[in-house]
Amino acid sequence: MTLRLRARKVTVDPAGVETELPMNEWVPIGVFAPSGPGREYGGTLYLRPHRIRTGQQTIVVTVPRKPADAGIDPISC
C-alpha cells in the first residue's frame, strides 16, 4: 500500500495566531482491513511508527491482504 501525505506541525497561541514549526517525529501509521458484518472496524493489518517530516512524502508498506483504510496516528483520532 502506498500512502502519499503532506505533513505540518502548527501551534496556536491564545489569540488564535498559528505558527508553523518544523516536524521531524516518529508517528504511528496504521492500515486496516475491511470491517465484517456487525463490526464497526476491521482488523489491524499494519501499525508501526514512521519518521514524518514537514512537507510531502510517500510511505510504502506491505500488508497481508487488501486494506480498507489507512491513517496517520490512527489510535489517537
Protein backbone atom coordinates (compact mmCIF):
# COMPACT_ATOMS: atom_id res chain seq x y z
CA MET A 1 0.00 0.00 0.00
CA THR A 2 1.27 3.46 -0.87
CA LEU A 3 0.40 6.47 1.28
CA ARG A 4 1.08 9.95 -0.04
CA LEU A 5 0.90 12.68 2.55
CA ARG A 6 1.77 16.26 3.35
CA ALA A 7 2.63 16.88 6.98
CA ARG A 8 2.99 20.03 9.01
CA LYS A 9 3.12 20.94 12.67
CA VAL A 10 1.36 24.05 13.93
CA THR A 11 1.00 25.71 17.32
CA VAL A 12 -1.76 28.18 18.10
CA ASP A 13 -1.34 30.92 20.69
CA PRO A 14 -4.22 32.19 22.90
CA ALA A 15 -5.04 34.89 20.31
CA GLY A 16 -5.52 32.21 17.63
CA VAL A 17 -2.32 33.01 15.73
CA GLU A 18 -0.84 29.93 14.06
CA THR A 19 2.91 29.36 13.93
CA GLU A 20 4.31 26.57 11.78
CA LEU A 21 7.11 24.53 13.35
CA PRO A 22 9.50 22.07 11.68
CA MET A 23 8.31 18.48 12.01
CA ASN A 24 10.64 15.52 12.40
CA GLU A 25 8.85 12.99 14.60
CA TRP A 26 8.02 9.31 14.86
CA VAL A 27 4.28 8.89 14.27
CA PRO A 28 2.26 5.64 14.09
CA ILE A 29 0.96 4.67 10.65
CA GLY A 30 -1.95 2.22 10.62
CA VAL A 31 -3.54 0.14 7.85
CA PHE A 32 -6.82 -1.66 8.49
CA ALA A 33 -8.85 -4.48 6.92
CA PRO A 34 -12.49 -4.10 5.89
CA SER A 35 -14.96 -4.47 8.76
CA GLY A 36 -17.03 -7.64 8.92
CA PRO A 37 -20.78 -7.98 9.43
CA GLY A 38 -21.83 -6.32 12.68
CA ARG A 39 -18.38 -4.85 13.27
CA GLU A 40 -17.55 -1.17 13.22
CA TYR A 41 -13.84 -1.62 12.41
CA GLY A 42 -11.73 -4.15 10.57
CA GLY A 43 -8.61 -5.75 11.99
CA THR A 44 -5.24 -4.04 12.09
CA LEU A 45 -3.05 -5.11 9.18
CA TYR A 46 -0.15 -2.79 9.98
CA LEU A 47 0.67 -0.41 12.84
CA ARG A 48 4.24 0.88 13.16
CA PRO A 49 5.97 4.21 13.75
CA HIS A 50 7.45 6.09 10.80
CA ARG A 51 9.55 9.25 10.80
CA ILE A 52 7.32 12.03 9.49
CA ARG A 53 8.92 15.28 8.37
CA THR A 54 7.45 18.57 7.24
CA GLY A 55 6.27 18.52 3.64
CA GLN A 56 5.26 15.91 1.10
CA GLN A 57 6.38 12.32 1.43
CA THR A 58 5.46 8.81 0.36
CA ILE A 59 5.26 5.80 2.66
CA VAL A 60 5.07 2.30 1.18
CA VAL A 61 4.05 -0.63 3.40
CA THR A 62 3.30 -4.27 2.68
CA VAL A 63 0.16 -5.79 4.18
CA PRO A 64 -1.04 -9.42 4.09
CA ARG A 65 -4.37 -8.69 2.36
CA LYS A 66 -6.42 -5.94 0.75
CA PRO A 67 -6.79 -2.92 3.07
CA ALA A 68 -9.90 -0.79 3.51
CA ASP A 69 -8.44 2.21 5.32
CA ALA A 70 -5.18 3.76 6.48
CA GLY A 71 -4.25 6.66 8.70
CA ILE A 72 -1.61 8.68 10.49
CA ASP A 73 -1.70 8.27 14.28
CA PRO A 74 -4.98 6.34 13.95
CA ILE A 75 -5.33 5.32 17.60
CA SER A 76 -5.49 8.90 18.91
CA CYS A 77 -8.17 10.01 16.42
